[in-house]
N, C-alpha and C. Protein backbone atom coordinates (compact mmCIF):
# COMPACT_ATOMS: atom_id res chain seq x y z
N MET A 1 130.01 -24.67 116.48
CA MET A 1 129.10 -23.72 116.02
C MET A 1 129.43 -22.25 116.75
N GLU A 2 129.82 -21.55 115.84
CA GLU A 2 129.80 -20.26 116.17
C GLU A 2 128.43 -19.52 116.10
N PRO A 3 127.83 -18.43 116.96
CA PRO A 3 127.01 -17.70 116.94
C PRO A 3 127.12 -16.94 115.37
N VAL A 4 126.40 -16.18 114.89
CA VAL A 4 125.98 -15.44 114.04
C VAL A 4 125.39 -14.56 113.96
N PRO A 5 126.17 -13.01 113.94
CA PRO A 5 125.14 -11.89 114.17
C PRO A 5 123.88 -11.85 113.19
N VAL A 6 122.96 -11.44 113.78
CA VAL A 6 121.87 -10.90 112.72
C VAL A 6 121.94 -9.37 112.63
N PRO A 7 122.04 -9.10 111.55
CA PRO A 7 121.98 -7.88 111.24
C PRO A 7 120.91 -7.33 111.52
N VAL A 8 120.70 -6.18 112.42
CA VAL A 8 119.58 -5.27 112.73
C VAL A 8 119.07 -4.21 111.86
N VAL A 9 117.77 -4.37 111.15
CA VAL A 9 117.30 -3.55 110.29
C VAL A 9 116.22 -2.26 110.95
N VAL A 10 116.89 -1.23 110.39
CA VAL A 10 116.05 -0.12 111.51
C VAL A 10 115.69 0.80 110.24
N GLU A 11 114.23 0.71 110.19
CA GLU A 11 113.48 1.64 109.24
C GLU A 11 112.97 3.23 109.80
N GLU A 12 113.33 3.64 109.00
CA GLU A 12 112.97 5.38 109.98
C GLU A 12 111.41 5.61 109.25
N ILE A 13 110.89 5.46 110.30
CA ILE A 13 109.71 6.03 110.08
C ILE A 13 109.28 7.86 109.55
N PRO A 14 109.10 8.12 108.88
CA PRO A 14 108.56 9.20 108.29
C PRO A 14 107.61 10.01 109.51
N PRO A 15 107.93 11.32 110.05
CA PRO A 15 107.15 11.84 110.70
C PRO A 15 105.90 12.48 110.33
N ALA A 16 104.83 12.44 111.02
CA ALA A 16 103.46 12.02 109.92
C ALA A 16 103.07 14.33 109.75
N PRO A 17 102.50 14.37 108.89
CA PRO A 17 102.33 16.18 108.83
C PRO A 17 101.56 16.72 109.85
N PRO A 18 101.83 17.85 110.10
CA PRO A 18 101.51 18.61 111.19
C PRO A 18 99.75 18.69 110.85
N ALA A 19 98.72 18.75 112.43
CA ALA A 19 97.72 18.47 111.71
C ALA A 19 97.08 20.15 111.16
N ARG A 20 96.11 20.19 110.51
CA ARG A 20 95.94 21.31 109.43
C ARG A 20 94.58 21.37 110.01
N PHE A 21 94.23 23.09 110.46
CA PHE A 21 92.89 23.30 110.71
C PHE A 21 92.04 23.45 109.42
N ASP A 22 91.12 22.92 109.66
CA ASP A 22 90.21 22.83 108.12
C ASP A 22 89.00 23.68 108.29
N ARG A 23 89.88 24.54 107.42
CA ARG A 23 88.13 25.83 107.62
C ARG A 23 86.82 25.86 107.15
N ARG A 24 86.67 24.38 106.60
CA ARG A 24 85.51 23.93 106.19
C ARG A 24 84.59 23.94 107.59
N TRP A 25 84.97 23.14 108.21
CA TRP A 25 84.13 22.82 109.38
C TRP A 25 83.92 24.09 109.99
N LEU A 26 84.73 25.31 110.16
CA LEU A 26 84.15 26.14 110.44
C LEU A 26 83.02 27.32 109.95
N LEU A 27 83.16 27.02 108.43
CA LEU A 27 82.26 27.32 107.55
C LEU A 27 80.94 26.86 107.62
N ILE A 28 80.82 25.36 107.79
CA ILE A 28 79.71 24.58 107.93
C ILE A 28 79.02 24.66 109.35
N GLY A 29 79.96 24.46 110.62
CA GLY A 29 79.77 24.02 111.48
C GLY A 29 79.19 25.48 112.66
N GLY A 30 79.68 26.89 112.09
CA GLY A 30 79.35 28.02 113.05
C GLY A 30 77.77 28.27 112.75
N PRO A 31 77.38 28.08 111.00
CA PRO A 31 75.98 28.47 111.03
C PRO A 31 75.39 27.17 111.39
N VAL A 32 75.80 25.93 111.31
CA VAL A 32 74.74 24.99 111.51
C VAL A 32 74.38 25.41 113.23
N ALA A 33 75.46 25.09 114.15
CA ALA A 33 75.56 25.52 115.22
C ALA A 33 74.36 26.71 116.19
N GLY A 34 74.71 27.79 115.08
CA GLY A 34 73.95 29.17 115.24
C GLY A 34 72.55 28.68 115.14
N ALA A 35 72.38 28.20 114.11
CA ALA A 35 71.01 27.65 113.68
C ALA A 35 70.09 27.15 115.03
N ALA A 36 71.03 25.85 115.47
CA ALA A 36 70.13 25.19 116.10
C ALA A 36 70.09 25.89 117.75
N ALA A 37 70.81 26.64 118.08
CA ALA A 37 70.82 27.34 119.24
C ALA A 37 69.47 28.24 118.81
N ALA A 38 69.52 28.72 117.89
CA ALA A 38 67.91 29.97 117.52
C ALA A 38 66.69 28.70 117.43
N LEU A 39 67.12 27.37 117.04
CA LEU A 39 65.71 26.85 117.13
C LEU A 39 65.32 26.50 118.64
N PHE A 40 66.81 25.86 119.50
CA PHE A 40 66.68 25.59 120.99
C PHE A 40 65.61 26.73 121.61
N GLY A 41 66.00 28.09 121.27
CA GLY A 41 65.64 29.22 121.98
C GLY A 41 64.17 29.32 121.39
N VAL A 42 63.61 29.50 120.14
CA VAL A 42 62.23 29.45 119.69
C VAL A 42 61.53 28.67 120.26
N ALA A 43 62.38 27.05 120.69
CA ALA A 43 61.20 26.25 121.46
C ALA A 43 61.07 26.74 122.52
N ALA A 44 62.07 27.20 123.51
CA ALA A 44 61.78 27.46 124.77
C ALA A 44 60.87 27.79 125.18
N TRP A 45 61.21 29.81 124.25
CA TRP A 45 59.96 30.52 124.46
C TRP A 45 58.79 30.25 124.20
N ARG A 46 58.55 29.15 123.22
CA ARG A 46 57.22 28.79 122.46
C ARG A 46 56.84 27.93 123.56
N GLY A 47 57.46 27.04 124.33
CA GLY A 47 57.15 26.44 125.57
C GLY A 47 56.58 27.09 126.70
N ARG A 48 57.44 28.47 126.81
CA ARG A 48 56.62 29.04 128.23
C ARG A 48 55.25 29.94 127.82
N ALA A 49 55.09 30.16 126.42
CA ALA A 49 54.12 30.92 126.23
C ALA A 49 52.77 29.65 126.35
N VAL A 50 52.66 28.42 126.51
CA VAL A 50 51.90 27.80 126.55
C VAL A 50 51.18 27.75 127.72
N VAL A 51 49.67 27.97 127.49
CA VAL A 51 48.73 28.23 128.78
C VAL A 51 47.70 27.16 128.49
N THR A 52 47.22 26.62 129.53
CA THR A 52 46.16 25.71 129.51
C THR A 52 44.87 26.08 129.46
N PRO A 53 43.94 25.54 129.04
CA PRO A 53 42.29 26.24 129.72
C PRO A 53 42.08 26.20 131.08
N GLY A 54 42.51 25.48 131.79
CA GLY A 54 42.23 25.70 133.29
C GLY A 54 43.07 26.77 133.84
N PHE A 55 44.60 26.54 133.32
CA PHE A 55 44.91 27.98 133.86
C PHE A 55 44.40 29.09 133.55
N GLU A 56 43.73 29.64 132.30
CA GLU A 56 42.99 30.96 131.59
C GLU A 56 41.83 31.24 132.30
N LYS A 57 41.17 29.82 132.93
CA LYS A 57 39.75 30.23 133.53
C LYS A 57 40.17 30.28 134.86
N PHE A 58 40.84 29.52 135.07
CA PHE A 58 41.07 29.99 136.97
C PHE A 58 41.85 31.44 137.31
N ARG A 59 42.89 31.95 136.24
CA ARG A 59 43.71 32.88 136.67
C ARG A 59 43.02 34.10 135.53
N GLY A 60 42.29 33.98 134.81
CA GLY A 60 41.28 34.81 133.70
C GLY A 60 41.30 36.43 134.69
N PRO A 61 40.71 36.21 135.64
CA PRO A 61 40.02 37.23 136.12
C PRO A 61 41.21 38.31 136.53
N VAL A 62 42.08 37.57 137.04
CA VAL A 62 43.25 38.29 137.70
C VAL A 62 44.07 39.06 136.38
N LEU A 63 44.60 37.96 135.59
CA LEU A 63 45.18 38.41 134.14
C LEU A 63 44.37 39.55 133.51
N GLU A 64 43.21 39.70 133.28
CA GLU A 64 42.18 40.50 132.78
C GLU A 64 42.10 42.02 132.97
N SER A 65 42.18 42.08 134.57
CA SER A 65 41.89 43.11 135.43
C SER A 65 42.78 44.31 135.42
N THR A 66 42.42 45.38 134.85
CA THR A 66 43.60 46.49 135.05
C THR A 66 44.01 47.12 136.52
N ASP A 67 43.47 46.61 137.60
CA ASP A 67 43.66 46.99 138.89
C ASP A 67 44.89 46.01 139.41
N PRO A 68 45.85 46.40 140.35
CA PRO A 68 46.82 45.83 141.07
C PRO A 68 46.18 44.78 141.70
N LEU A 69 47.12 43.69 141.44
CA LEU A 69 46.74 42.46 142.15
C LEU A 69 47.30 43.00 143.97
N LEU A 70 46.16 42.44 144.44
CA LEU A 70 46.83 42.35 145.95
C LEU A 70 47.21 41.05 146.29
N VAL A 71 48.51 41.30 147.19
CA VAL A 71 48.78 40.15 147.48
C VAL A 71 49.24 40.43 149.15
N ALA A 72 48.52 38.82 149.88
CA ALA A 72 48.92 39.45 151.41
C ALA A 72 49.48 38.45 152.02
N ILE A 73 50.54 39.01 152.71
CA ILE A 73 51.82 37.92 153.10
C ILE A 73 51.60 37.73 154.35
N SER A 74 51.38 36.66 155.08
CA SER A 74 51.43 36.37 156.42
C SER A 74 52.89 36.42 157.09
N HIS A 75 52.41 36.36 158.63
CA HIS A 75 54.51 36.92 158.75
C HIS A 75 53.79 35.95 160.77
N PRO A 76 54.20 34.92 160.49
CA PRO A 76 54.02 33.91 161.92
C PRO A 76 55.10 34.71 163.18
N ILE A 77 54.20 34.49 164.45
CA ILE A 77 55.25 34.98 165.48
C ILE A 77 56.41 34.02 165.62
N VAL A 78 57.55 34.40 165.62
CA VAL A 78 58.87 33.20 165.91
C VAL A 78 59.01 33.98 167.21
N TYR A 79 59.67 32.68 168.14
CA TYR A 79 59.99 32.68 169.20
C TYR A 79 61.49 32.40 169.45
N HIS A 80 61.92 33.42 170.05
CA HIS A 80 63.83 33.12 169.79
C HIS A 80 64.18 32.94 171.78
N ALA A 81 64.65 32.01 171.78
CA ALA A 81 65.48 31.81 173.16
C ALA A 81 66.55 33.13 173.88
N SER A 82 66.35 33.01 175.24
CA SER A 82 66.83 33.93 175.81
C SER A 82 68.22 34.23 175.96
N GLN A 83 68.86 34.88 176.00
CA GLN A 83 70.58 34.75 176.49
C GLN A 83 70.90 33.78 177.84
N ARG A 84 69.84 34.27 178.69
CA ARG A 84 69.37 32.75 179.76
C ARG A 84 69.52 31.41 179.54
N ALA A 85 68.72 31.43 178.51
CA ALA A 85 68.22 29.99 178.00
C ALA A 85 69.96 29.24 177.24
N GLN A 86 70.24 30.53 176.43
CA GLN A 86 71.68 29.87 175.79
C GLN A 86 72.59 29.71 176.32
N ARG A 87 72.84 30.90 177.90
CA ARG A 87 73.57 30.21 178.75
C ARG A 87 73.91 28.88 179.40
N LEU A 88 72.39 28.69 179.68
CA LEU A 88 72.19 27.45 180.75
C LEU A 88 73.08 26.08 179.69
N THR A 89 72.43 26.24 178.27
CA THR A 89 72.68 25.22 177.48
C THR A 89 74.23 25.21 177.27
N ASP A 90 74.81 26.19 177.22
CA ASP A 90 76.29 26.19 176.95
C ASP A 90 76.82 25.65 178.52
N GLU A 91 76.17 26.42 179.70
CA GLU A 91 76.63 25.60 180.72
C GLU A 91 76.85 23.75 180.83
N ARG A 92 75.42 23.42 180.39
CA ARG A 92 75.36 22.16 179.88
C ARG A 92 76.33 20.98 179.16
N LEU A 93 76.11 21.57 178.17
CA LEU A 93 76.86 21.08 177.12
C LEU A 93 78.18 21.60 176.72
N GLY A 94 79.06 22.71 177.25
CA GLY A 94 80.28 23.09 177.29
C GLY A 94 80.00 24.19 175.95
N PRO A 95 81.06 24.99 175.66
CA PRO A 95 81.07 25.97 174.55
C PRO A 95 81.28 25.18 173.03
N MET A 96 81.10 25.89 172.31
CA MET A 96 80.66 25.03 170.85
C MET A 96 82.33 25.93 170.35
N ALA A 97 82.89 24.38 169.63
CA ALA A 97 84.41 24.97 169.13
C ALA A 97 84.13 25.95 168.20
N THR A 98 83.56 26.33 167.39
CA THR A 98 83.09 27.29 166.39
C THR A 98 81.86 27.78 167.02
N PRO A 99 81.80 29.16 166.56
CA PRO A 99 80.57 29.90 166.36
C PRO A 99 79.62 29.37 165.62
N GLY A 100 78.12 29.18 165.90
CA GLY A 100 77.39 29.55 165.25
C GLY A 100 75.54 28.96 166.01
N GLN A 101 75.08 28.82 165.45
CA GLN A 101 73.21 27.93 166.47
C GLN A 101 73.62 26.81 167.10
N ARG A 102 72.88 26.42 167.76
CA ARG A 102 72.69 25.28 168.56
C ARG A 102 71.34 25.11 169.29
N PRO A 103 70.36 23.97 168.94
CA PRO A 103 69.22 23.99 169.61
C PRO A 103 69.43 24.51 171.41
N ILE A 104 68.39 24.94 172.14
CA ILE A 104 68.55 24.68 173.46
C ILE A 104 68.42 23.29 173.90
N ASN A 105 69.06 23.45 174.97
CA ASN A 105 69.16 22.13 175.41
C ASN A 105 69.03 22.18 177.24
N VAL A 106 68.38 22.53 177.67
CA VAL A 106 67.72 22.80 178.90
C VAL A 106 66.43 21.75 179.48
N PRO A 107 66.59 21.46 180.67
CA PRO A 107 65.10 20.77 180.78
C PRO A 107 64.24 21.85 181.31
N ALA A 108 62.92 21.17 180.97
CA ALA A 108 61.71 22.36 180.97
C ALA A 108 61.63 23.16 182.08
N LYS A 109 62.03 22.48 183.43
CA LYS A 109 61.68 22.92 184.60
C LYS A 109 62.78 24.23 184.76
N ASP A 110 64.23 23.80 184.09
CA ASP A 110 64.71 25.38 184.38
C ASP A 110 64.94 26.55 183.53
N LEU A 111 63.32 26.11 182.83
CA LEU A 111 63.26 27.48 182.00
C LEU A 111 61.98 28.39 182.69
N ASP A 112 61.67 29.58 182.06
CA ASP A 112 60.24 30.05 182.54
C ASP A 112 60.02 30.89 181.15
N GLY A 113 58.89 31.25 181.33
CA GLY A 113 57.96 32.18 179.89
C GLY A 113 59.03 33.17 179.71
N SER A 114 59.69 33.52 180.27
CA SER A 114 60.83 34.97 179.98
C SER A 114 61.72 34.59 179.35
N ASP A 115 61.75 33.15 178.85
CA ASP A 115 63.39 32.75 178.45
C ASP A 115 63.00 32.78 176.73
N MET A 116 61.42 32.67 176.51
CA MET A 116 60.74 32.48 175.10
C MET A 116 60.27 34.18 174.86
N ILE A 117 61.46 34.75 173.61
CA ILE A 117 61.01 36.36 173.17
C ILE A 117 60.28 36.11 172.04
N PRO A 118 59.29 36.56 172.10
CA PRO A 118 58.89 36.81 170.70
C PRO A 118 59.16 37.66 169.57
N SER A 119 59.33 37.27 168.38
CA SER A 119 59.70 38.21 167.25
C SER A 119 58.41 38.45 166.42
N LEU A 120 58.39 39.95 166.57
CA LEU A 120 57.02 40.28 165.85
C LEU A 120 57.38 40.69 164.33
N ILE A 121 56.56 40.56 163.16
CA ILE A 121 56.60 41.25 161.91
C ILE A 121 58.33 41.48 161.40
N GLN A 122 58.83 40.18 161.63
CA GLN A 122 60.15 39.86 161.25
C GLN A 122 60.25 38.58 160.15
N TYR A 123 59.67 37.51 160.26
CA TYR A 123 59.76 36.88 159.31
C TYR A 123 58.12 36.35 158.43
N THR A 124 58.56 35.82 157.73
CA THR A 124 57.49 35.67 156.51
C THR A 124 57.90 33.94 156.01
N GLY A 125 56.95 33.16 155.76
CA GLY A 125 57.16 31.74 154.79
C GLY A 125 58.06 31.80 153.71
N PHE A 126 59.45 31.08 153.53
CA PHE A 126 59.82 31.04 152.16
C PHE A 126 58.77 30.64 151.20
N GLY A 127 57.81 30.10 151.04
CA GLY A 127 57.14 29.35 150.45
C GLY A 127 56.01 30.62 149.81
N ASP A 128 55.85 30.99 150.64
CA ASP A 128 55.18 32.51 150.37
C ASP A 128 56.03 33.34 149.55
N MET A 129 56.74 33.63 149.42
CA MET A 129 57.65 34.43 149.00
C MET A 129 58.25 34.51 147.77
N ILE A 130 58.48 33.14 147.64
CA ILE A 130 58.71 32.30 146.36
C ILE A 130 57.51 32.23 145.36
N VAL A 131 56.57 32.00 145.68
CA VAL A 131 55.02 32.25 145.30
C VAL A 131 54.76 33.52 144.87
N THR A 132 55.03 34.65 145.93
CA THR A 132 54.58 36.00 145.29
C THR A 132 55.30 36.44 144.41
N THR A 133 56.48 35.98 144.35
CA THR A 133 57.30 36.69 143.44
C THR A 133 56.84 35.85 142.06
N GLU A 134 57.14 34.57 142.20
CA GLU A 134 56.46 34.07 140.65
C GLU A 134 55.48 35.08 140.16
N VAL A 135 54.27 35.07 140.97
CA VAL A 135 53.15 35.74 140.45
C VAL A 135 53.31 36.79 139.81
N ALA A 136 54.02 37.69 140.53
CA ALA A 136 54.45 39.29 140.40
C ALA A 136 55.12 39.33 139.19
N SER A 137 56.27 38.52 138.89
CA SER A 137 56.83 38.17 137.32
C SER A 137 55.74 37.69 136.63
N MET A 138 55.09 36.68 136.38
CA MET A 138 53.99 36.90 135.51
C MET A 138 53.53 37.50 134.93
N LEU A 139 52.70 38.61 136.29
CA LEU A 139 51.99 39.33 135.54
C LEU A 139 53.04 40.82 135.72
N ALA A 140 54.28 40.90 135.62
CA ALA A 140 54.90 41.92 135.25
C ALA A 140 55.12 41.34 133.64
N ARG A 141 55.32 40.14 133.08
CA ARG A 141 55.31 39.78 131.85
C ARG A 141 54.43 40.22 130.88
N ARG A 142 52.85 40.07 131.84
CA ARG A 142 51.31 40.29 131.03
C ARG A 142 51.53 41.66 130.39
N GLY A 143 52.11 42.78 131.79
CA GLY A 143 51.60 44.29 131.72
C GLY A 143 51.00 44.55 133.14
N GLY A 144 51.14 43.83 134.19
CA GLY A 144 50.33 43.75 135.31
C GLY A 144 50.71 44.15 136.37
N SER A 145 50.20 44.36 137.57
CA SER A 145 51.48 45.12 138.76
C SER A 145 50.81 44.42 139.83
N VAL A 146 51.31 44.20 140.65
CA VAL A 146 50.82 43.75 142.30
C VAL A 146 51.56 44.93 143.11
N ARG A 147 50.37 44.78 144.21
CA ARG A 147 50.91 45.52 145.90
C ARG A 147 50.87 44.22 146.72
N VAL A 148 52.18 44.46 147.21
CA VAL A 148 52.10 43.58 148.44
C VAL A 148 52.07 44.02 149.91
N ARG A 149 51.09 43.43 150.84
CA ARG A 149 50.91 44.44 152.01
C ARG A 149 51.12 42.96 153.38
N TRP A 150 51.12 43.40 154.20
CA TRP A 150 51.11 42.22 155.23
C TRP A 150 49.64 42.44 155.46
N ALA A 151 49.07 40.79 155.64
CA ALA A 151 48.12 39.90 155.73
C ALA A 151 47.82 40.65 157.00
N ASP A 152 47.83 41.15 158.30
CA ASP A 152 47.02 42.07 159.43
C ASP A 152 47.13 43.57 158.94
N SER A 153 47.42 43.78 158.19
CA SER A 153 47.68 45.41 157.74
C SER A 153 46.79 45.59 156.33
N VAL A 154 45.59 44.55 155.99
CA VAL A 154 45.00 44.73 154.76
C VAL A 154 43.78 45.44 155.52
N PRO A 155 43.07 46.50 155.19
CA PRO A 155 41.68 46.58 155.46
C PRO A 155 40.64 45.94 154.91
N PHE A 156 39.87 45.46 155.16
CA PHE A 156 38.51 44.72 154.48
C PHE A 156 37.98 45.56 153.24
N ALA A 157 37.79 46.77 153.32
CA ALA A 157 37.38 47.43 152.12
C ALA A 157 38.55 47.08 151.19
N ASP A 158 39.69 46.89 150.89
CA ASP A 158 40.69 46.60 149.82
C ASP A 158 40.31 44.90 149.56
N LEU A 159 39.58 44.18 150.30
CA LEU A 159 39.15 42.48 149.92
C LEU A 159 37.96 42.56 149.15
N ARG A 160 37.75 43.68 149.37
CA ARG A 160 36.08 43.45 149.02
C ARG A 160 36.21 44.03 147.49
N GLN A 161 37.06 44.99 146.93
CA GLN A 161 36.90 45.56 145.46
C GLN A 161 38.45 44.87 144.83
N GLY A 162 38.52 44.62 143.99
CA GLY A 162 39.75 44.41 143.05
C GLY A 162 40.19 42.81 143.22
N GLN A 163 41.09 42.65 142.47
CA GLN A 163 41.68 41.10 142.38
C GLN A 163 42.35 41.01 143.81
N ARG A 164 42.49 39.78 144.63
CA ARG A 164 43.30 39.47 146.10
C ARG A 164 43.85 38.09 145.70
N TYR A 165 45.16 37.90 146.34
CA TYR A 165 45.79 36.41 146.57
C TYR A 165 46.29 36.37 147.77
N LEU A 166 45.32 35.84 148.53
CA LEU A 166 45.96 35.78 149.76
C LEU A 166 46.84 34.68 150.16
């Protein structure tokens, strides 16, 4: 018996119509998205305005005062290593592949007091400045003002009168 060829039927599938942009979604979705954004904005704004009674009691005198709030910022003494101490470290560890900072790694017996150089009135605590900025912006939103001074330059007379934040 000979094999009988089977006819292959190729059915052509018509191409899908091109996707059409439906303007109904734009007309409905645009206002809905805008309303949702507006509601979110109002909720966020109202959430920031909520003040607890404890906050009002603690910060009330500062918020009600017409005098600017005195903020005294501390500045610790920071010591930098001398060039001699850095050179001794480089001799001991070898030069760095890329320039940068490195801790001093020299035995204490090789250093003396002149290898630590005090740096006065150049640094302040990062947290201190964050809190000062937050307090100043809070008062600015409420129409208040702030006077910032170095802690060691505030006269005692300023500490006796008005509101202060040390």
